PDB file of all heavy atoms in Angstrom:
ATOM      1  N   ARG A   1      -0.972  16.741  -8.613  1.00  0.00           N
ATOM      2  CA  ARG A   1      -1.383  15.390  -9.036  1.00  0.00           C
ATOM      3  C   ARG A   1      -0.505  14.336  -8.361  1.00  0.00           C
ATOM      4  O   ARG A   1      -0.995  13.308  -7.897  1.00  0.00           O
ATOM      5  CB  ARG A   1      -1.301  15.260 -10.555  1.00  0.00           C
ATOM      6  CG  ARG A   1      -1.628  13.850 -11.027  1.00  0.00           C
ATOM      7  CD  ARG A   1      -1.681  13.700 -12.532  1.00  0.00           C
ATOM      8  NE  ARG A   1      -0.557  14.287 -13.195  1.00  0.00           N
ATOM      9  CZ  ARG A   1      -0.650  15.060 -14.283  1.00  0.00           C
ATOM     10  NH1 ARG A   1      -1.823  15.308 -14.826  1.00  0.00           N
ATOM     11  NH2 ARG A   1       0.427  15.561 -14.842  1.00  0.00           N
ATOM     12  N   ASP A   2       0.815  14.587  -8.290  1.00  0.00           N
ATOM     13  CA  ASP A   2       1.720  13.626  -7.647  1.00  0.00           C
ATOM     14  C   ASP A   2       1.336  13.402  -6.187  1.00  0.00           C
ATOM     15  O   ASP A   2       1.332  12.264  -5.704  1.00  0.00           O
ATOM     16  CB  ASP A   2       3.165  14.100  -7.747  1.00  0.00           C
ATOM     17  CG  ASP A   2       3.677  14.103  -9.179  1.00  0.00           C
ATOM     18  OD1 ASP A   2       3.018  13.512 -10.063  1.00  0.00           O
ATOM     19  OD2 ASP A   2       4.734  14.710  -9.415  1.00  0.00           O
ATOM     20  N   THR A   3       0.999  14.480  -5.483  1.00  0.00           N
ATOM     21  CA  THR A   3       0.564  14.359  -4.096  1.00  0.00           C
ATOM     22  C   THR A   3      -0.694  13.512  -4.015  1.00  0.00           C
ATOM     23  O   THR A   3      -0.827  12.643  -3.141  1.00  0.00           O
ATOM     24  CB  THR A   3       0.315  15.755  -3.483  1.00  0.00           C
ATOM     25  OG1 THR A   3       1.550  16.477  -3.510  1.00  0.00           O
ATOM     26  CG2 THR A   3      -0.192  15.663  -2.060  1.00  0.00           C
ATOM     27  N   HIS A   4      -1.644  13.725  -4.935  1.00  0.00           N
ATOM     28  CA  HIS A   4      -2.878  12.929  -4.946  1.00  0.00           C
ATOM     29  C   HIS A   4      -2.581  11.457  -5.252  1.00  0.00           C
ATOM     30  O   HIS A   4      -3.140  10.553  -4.615  1.00  0.00           O
ATOM     31  CB  HIS A   4      -3.872  13.509  -5.956  1.00  0.00           C
ATOM     32  CG  HIS A   4      -5.230  12.897  -5.854  1.00  0.00           C
ATOM     33  ND1 HIS A   4      -6.064  12.759  -6.932  1.00  0.00           N
ATOM     34  CD2 HIS A   4      -5.912  12.373  -4.803  1.00  0.00           C
ATOM     35  CE1 HIS A   4      -7.185  12.170  -6.546  1.00  0.00           C
ATOM     36  NE2 HIS A   4      -7.119  11.924  -5.269  1.00  0.00           N
ATOM     37  N   LEU A   5      -1.690  11.199  -6.188  1.00  0.00           N
ATOM     38  CA  LEU A   5      -1.354   9.812  -6.525  1.00  0.00           C
ATOM     39  C   LEU A   5      -0.685   9.090  -5.354  1.00  0.00           C
ATOM     40  O   LEU A   5      -0.841   7.880  -5.193  1.00  0.00           O
ATOM     41  CB  LEU A   5      -0.446   9.760  -7.757  1.00  0.00           C
ATOM     42  CG  LEU A   5      -1.126  10.097  -9.078  1.00  0.00           C
ATOM     43  CD1 LEU A   5      -0.098  10.219 -10.196  1.00  0.00           C
ATOM     44  CD2 LEU A   5      -2.183   9.058  -9.424  1.00  0.00           C
ATOM     45  N   ARG A   6       0.045   9.823  -4.527  1.00  0.00           N
ATOM     46  CA  ARG A   6       0.699   9.216  -3.356  1.00  0.00           C
ATOM     47  C   ARG A   6      -0.271   9.049  -2.189  1.00  0.00           C
ATOM     48  O   ARG A   6       0.046   8.368  -1.215  1.00  0.00           O
ATOM     49  CB  ARG A   6       1.884  10.082  -2.926  1.00  0.00           C
ATOM     50  CG  ARG A   6       2.990  10.102  -3.932  1.00  0.00           C
ATOM     51  CD  ARG A   6       4.135  11.006  -3.499  1.00  0.00           C
ATOM     52  NE  ARG A   6       5.056  11.195  -4.601  1.00  0.00           N
ATOM     53  CZ  ARG A   6       5.430  12.379  -5.064  1.00  0.00           C
ATOM     54  NH1 ARG A   6       4.998  13.492  -4.499  1.00  0.00           N
ATOM     55  NH2 ARG A   6       6.252  12.453  -6.082  1.00  0.00           N
ATOM     56  N   SER A   7      -1.463   9.646  -2.280  1.00  0.00           N
ATOM     57  CA  SER A   7      -2.438   9.620  -1.188  1.00  0.00           C
ATOM     58  C   SER A   7      -3.130   8.264  -1.088  1.00  0.00           C
ATOM     59  O   SER A   7      -2.938   7.372  -1.916  1.00  0.00           O
ATOM     60  CB  SER A   7      -3.485  10.718  -1.401  1.00  0.00           C
ATOM     61  OG  SER A   7      -4.428  10.309  -2.394  1.00  0.00           O
ATOM     62  N   GLU A   8      -4.012   8.152  -0.070  1.00  0.00           N
ATOM     63  CA  GLU A   8      -4.749   6.908   0.140  1.00  0.00           C
ATOM     64  C   GLU A   8      -5.715   6.608  -1.005  1.00  0.00           C
ATOM     65  O   GLU A   8      -6.158   5.473  -1.159  1.00  0.00           O
ATOM     66  CB  GLU A   8      -5.507   6.957   1.476  1.00  0.00           C
ATOM     67  CG  GLU A   8      -6.596   8.004   1.566  1.00  0.00           C
ATOM     68  CD  GLU A   8      -6.094   9.430   1.835  1.00  0.00           C
ATOM     69  OE1 GLU A   8      -4.896   9.638   2.092  1.00  0.00           O
ATOM     70  OE2 GLU A   8      -6.925  10.352   1.759  1.00  0.00           O
ATOM     71  N   HIS A   9      -6.034   7.580  -1.854  1.00  0.00           N
ATOM     72  CA  HIS A   9      -6.906   7.320  -3.008  1.00  0.00           C
ATOM     73  C   HIS A   9      -6.242   6.422  -4.040  1.00  0.00           C
ATOM     74  O   HIS A   9      -6.917   5.729  -4.798  1.00  0.00           O
ATOM     75  CB  HIS A   9      -7.304   8.629  -3.709  1.00  0.00           C
ATOM     76  CG  HIS A   9      -8.256   9.456  -2.930  1.00  0.00           C
ATOM     77  ND1 HIS A   9      -8.274  10.822  -2.986  1.00  0.00           N
ATOM     78  CD2 HIS A   9      -9.221   9.104  -2.047  1.00  0.00           C
ATOM     79  CE1 HIS A   9      -9.209  11.286  -2.180  1.00  0.00           C
ATOM     80  NE2 HIS A   9      -9.801  10.262  -1.604  1.00  0.00           N
ATOM     81  N   PHE A  10      -4.911   6.487  -4.095  1.00  0.00           N
ATOM     82  CA  PHE A  10      -4.189   5.711  -5.102  1.00  0.00           C
ATOM     83  C   PHE A  10      -3.142   4.814  -4.440  1.00  0.00           C
ATOM     84  O   PHE A  10      -3.469   3.764  -3.923  1.00  0.00           O
ATOM     85  CB  PHE A  10      -3.576   6.633  -6.160  1.00  0.00           C
ATOM     86  CG  PHE A  10      -4.611   7.276  -7.046  1.00  0.00           C
ATOM     87  CD1 PHE A  10      -5.102   8.541  -6.766  1.00  0.00           C
ATOM     88  CD2 PHE A  10      -5.129   6.605  -8.141  1.00  0.00           C
ATOM     89  CE1 PHE A  10      -6.074   9.132  -7.561  1.00  0.00           C
ATOM     90  CE2 PHE A  10      -6.109   7.172  -8.941  1.00  0.00           C
ATOM     91  CZ  PHE A  10      -6.582   8.443  -8.653  1.00  0.00           C
ATOM     92  N   PHE A  11      -1.871   5.219  -4.460  1.00  0.00           N
ATOM     93  CA  PHE A  11      -0.793   4.341  -4.002  1.00  0.00           C
ATOM     94  C   PHE A  11      -0.646   4.249  -2.485  1.00  0.00           C
ATOM     95  O   PHE A  11      -0.011   3.335  -1.990  1.00  0.00           O
ATOM     96  CB  PHE A  11       0.541   4.768  -4.634  1.00  0.00           C
ATOM     97  CG  PHE A  11       0.609   4.487  -6.103  1.00  0.00           C
ATOM     98  CD1 PHE A  11       0.482   5.515  -7.025  1.00  0.00           C
ATOM     99  CD2 PHE A  11       0.794   3.200  -6.582  1.00  0.00           C
ATOM    100  CE1 PHE A  11       0.543   5.264  -8.391  1.00  0.00           C
ATOM    101  CE2 PHE A  11       0.849   2.941  -7.935  1.00  0.00           C
ATOM    102  CZ  PHE A  11       0.728   3.967  -8.839  1.00  0.00           C
ATOM    103  N   ASP A  12      -1.187   5.201  -1.725  1.00  0.00           N
ATOM    104  CA  ASP A  12      -1.123   5.195  -0.262  1.00  0.00           C
ATOM    105  C   ASP A  12       0.318   5.029   0.231  1.00  0.00           C
ATOM    106  O   ASP A  12       0.638   4.137   1.015  1.00  0.00           O
ATOM    107  CB  ASP A  12      -2.029   4.103   0.302  1.00  0.00           C
ATOM    108  CG  ASP A  12      -2.318   4.279   1.784  1.00  0.00           C
ATOM    109  OD1 ASP A  12      -1.974   5.339   2.354  1.00  0.00           O
ATOM    110  OD2 ASP A  12      -2.881   3.343   2.383  1.00  0.00           O
ATOM    111  N   ALA A  13       1.168   5.935  -0.237  1.00  0.00           N
ATOM    112  CA  ALA A  13       2.601   5.865   0.074  1.00  0.00           C
ATOM    113  C   ALA A  13       2.896   5.912   1.566  1.00  0.00           C
ATOM    114  O   ALA A  13       3.886   5.336   2.023  1.00  0.00           O
ATOM    115  CB  ALA A  13       3.346   6.995  -0.636  1.00  0.00           C
ATOM    116  N   GLY A  14       2.040   6.567   2.353  1.00  0.00           N
ATOM    117  CA  GLY A  14       2.258   6.630   3.794  1.00  0.00           C
ATOM    118  C   GLY A  14       2.226   5.265   4.462  1.00  0.00           C
ATOM    119  O   GLY A  14       2.968   5.014   5.408  1.00  0.00           O
ATOM    120  N   HIS A  15       1.390   4.378   3.957  1.00  0.00           N
ATOM    121  CA  HIS A  15       1.283   3.025   4.512  1.00  0.00           C
ATOM    122  C   HIS A  15       2.015   1.976   3.674  1.00  0.00           C
ATOM    123  O   HIS A  15       2.367   0.917   4.180  1.00  0.00           O
ATOM    124  CB  HIS A  15      -0.191   2.620   4.638  1.00  0.00           C
ATOM    125  CG  HIS A  15      -0.939   3.419   5.639  1.00  0.00           C
ATOM    126  ND1 HIS A  15      -1.780   4.443   5.292  1.00  0.00           N
ATOM    127  CD2 HIS A  15      -0.945   3.367   6.988  1.00  0.00           C
ATOM    128  CE1 HIS A  15      -2.289   4.987   6.382  1.00  0.00           C
ATOM    129  NE2 HIS A  15      -1.798   4.355   7.425  1.00  0.00           N
ATOM    130  N   HIS A  16       2.183   2.267   2.402  1.00  0.00           N
ATOM    131  CA  HIS A  16       2.793   1.293   1.480  1.00  0.00           C
ATOM    132  C   HIS A  16       3.820   2.023   0.608  1.00  0.00           C
ATOM    133  O   HIS A  16       3.531   2.357  -0.548  1.00  0.00           O
ATOM    134  CB  HIS A  16       1.709   0.639   0.612  1.00  0.00           C
ATOM    135  CG  HIS A  16       0.608   0.026   1.412  1.00  0.00           C
ATOM    136  ND1 HIS A  16       0.763  -1.160   2.092  1.00  0.00           N
ATOM    137  CD2 HIS A  16      -0.653   0.452   1.669  1.00  0.00           C
ATOM    138  CE1 HIS A  16      -0.370  -1.444   2.731  1.00  0.00           C
ATOM    139  NE2 HIS A  16      -1.237  -0.482   2.485  1.00  0.00           N
ATOM    140  N   PRO A  17       5.002   2.273   1.154  1.00  0.00           N
ATOM    141  CA  PRO A  17       5.983   3.114   0.456  1.00  0.00           C
ATOM    142  C   PRO A  17       6.644   2.471  -0.768  1.00  0.00           C
ATOM    143  O   PRO A  17       7.297   3.178  -1.533  1.00  0.00           O
ATOM    144  CB  PRO A  17       7.025   3.419   1.534  1.00  0.00           C
ATOM    145  CG  PRO A  17       6.899   2.286   2.509  1.00  0.00           C
ATOM    146  CD  PRO A  17       5.450   1.873   2.487  1.00  0.00           C
ATOM    147  N   GLU A  18       6.462   1.171  -0.951  1.00  0.00           N
ATOM    148  CA  GLU A  18       7.126   0.503  -2.071  1.00  0.00           C
ATOM    149  C   GLU A  18       6.148  -0.345  -2.873  1.00  0.00           C
ATOM    150  O   GLU A  18       5.194  -0.897  -2.331  1.00  0.00           O
ATOM    151  CB  GLU A  18       8.252  -0.408  -1.572  1.00  0.00           C
ATOM    152  CG  GLU A  18       9.373   0.319  -0.884  1.00  0.00           C
ATOM    153  CD  GLU A  18      10.438  -0.629  -0.372  1.00  0.00           C
ATOM    154  OE1 GLU A  18      10.157  -1.822  -0.121  1.00  0.00           O
ATOM    155  OE2 GLU A  18      11.572  -0.154  -0.215  1.00  0.00           O
ATOM    156  N   ILE A  19       6.449  -0.437  -4.157  1.00  0.00           N
ATOM    157  CA  ILE A  19       5.817  -1.404  -5.050  1.00  0.00           C
ATOM    158  C   ILE A  19       6.892  -2.432  -5.350  1.00  0.00           C
ATOM    159  O   ILE A  19       8.043  -2.067  -5.618  1.00  0.00           O
ATOM    160  CB  ILE A  19       5.358  -0.730  -6.357  1.00  0.00           C
ATOM    161  CG1 ILE A  19       4.257   0.298  -6.061  1.00  0.00           C
ATOM    162  CG2 ILE A  19       4.884  -1.773  -7.373  1.00  0.00           C
ATOM    163  CD1 ILE A  19       3.928   1.176  -7.256  1.00  0.00           C
ATOM    164  N   THR A  20       6.549  -3.708  -5.298  1.00  0.00           N
ATOM    165  CA  THR A  20       7.541  -4.731  -5.604  1.00  0.00           C
ATOM    166  C   THR A  20       7.014  -5.690  -6.674  1.00  0.00           C
ATOM    167  O   THR A  20       5.808  -5.938  -6.766  1.00  0.00           O
ATOM    168  CB  THR A  20       7.941  -5.566  -4.362  1.00  0.00           C
ATOM    169  OG1 THR A  20       6.778  -6.202  -3.837  1.00  0.00           O
ATOM    170  CG2 THR A  20       8.584  -4.694  -3.301  1.00  0.00           C
ATOM    171  N   PHE A  21       7.947  -6.172  -7.460  1.00  0.00           N
ATOM    172  CA  PHE A  21       7.660  -7.250  -8.386  1.00  0.00           C
ATOM    173  C   PHE A  21       8.676  -8.343  -8.113  1.00  0.00           C
ATOM    174  O   PHE A  21       9.882  -8.125  -8.248  1.00  0.00           O
ATOM    175  CB  PHE A  21       7.740  -6.815  -9.849  1.00  0.00           C
ATOM    176  CG  PHE A  21       7.483  -7.965 -10.792  1.00  0.00           C
ATOM    177  CD1 PHE A  21       6.206  -8.498 -10.907  1.00  0.00           C
ATOM    178  CD2 PHE A  21       8.509  -8.529 -11.517  1.00  0.00           C
ATOM    179  CE1 PHE A  21       5.956  -9.577 -11.753  1.00  0.00           C
ATOM    180  CE2 PHE A  21       8.281  -9.604 -12.362  1.00  0.00           C
ATOM    181  CZ  PHE A  21       7.002 -10.131 -12.480  1.00  0.00           C
ATOM    182  N   ALA A  22       8.183  -9.506  -7.697  1.00  0.00           N
ATOM    183  CA  ALA A  22       9.046 -10.660  -7.432  1.00  0.00           C
ATOM    184  C   ALA A  22       8.915 -11.628  -8.597  1.00  0.00           C
ATOM    185  O   ALA A  22       7.854 -12.224  -8.798  1.00  0.00           O
ATOM    186  CB  ALA A  22       8.649 -11.336  -6.126  1.00  0.00           C
ATOM    187  N   ALA A  23       9.976 -11.738  -9.382  1.00  0.00           N
ATOM    188  CA  ALA A  23       9.995 -12.674 -10.513  1.00  0.00           C
ATOM    189  C   ALA A  23      10.319 -14.057  -9.972  1.00  0.00           C
ATOM    190  O   ALA A  23      11.405 -14.290  -9.450  1.00  0.00           O
ATOM    191  CB  ALA A  23      11.026 -12.242 -11.534  1.00  0.00           C
ATOM    192  N   ARG A  24       9.357 -14.956 -10.089  1.00  0.00           N
ATOM    193  CA  ARG A  24       9.551 -16.321  -9.606  1.00  0.00           C
ATOM    194  C   ARG A  24      10.175 -17.214 -10.668  1.00  0.00           C
ATOM    195  O   ARG A  24      10.769 -18.234 -10.371  1.00  0.00           O
ATOM    196  CB  ARG A  24       8.224 -16.888  -9.151  1.00  0.00           C
ATOM    197  CG  ARG A  24       7.678 -16.108  -7.967  1.00  0.00           C
ATOM    198  CD  ARG A  24       6.643 -16.924  -7.233  1.00  0.00           C
ATOM    199  NE  ARG A  24       6.322 -16.248  -5.995  1.00  0.00           N
ATOM    200  CZ  ARG A  24       5.099 -15.886  -5.653  1.00  0.00           C
ATOM    201  NH1 ARG A  24       4.092 -16.140  -6.451  1.00  0.00           N
ATOM    202  NH2 ARG A  24       4.879 -15.289  -4.505  1.00  0.00           N
TER     203      ARG A  24
END
């Protein structure tokens, strides 16, 4: 499941390795 979640179907870690939250 973790591999699937990192795939292009979900988080696409290969192209987008980070999630960011910028508190303004």
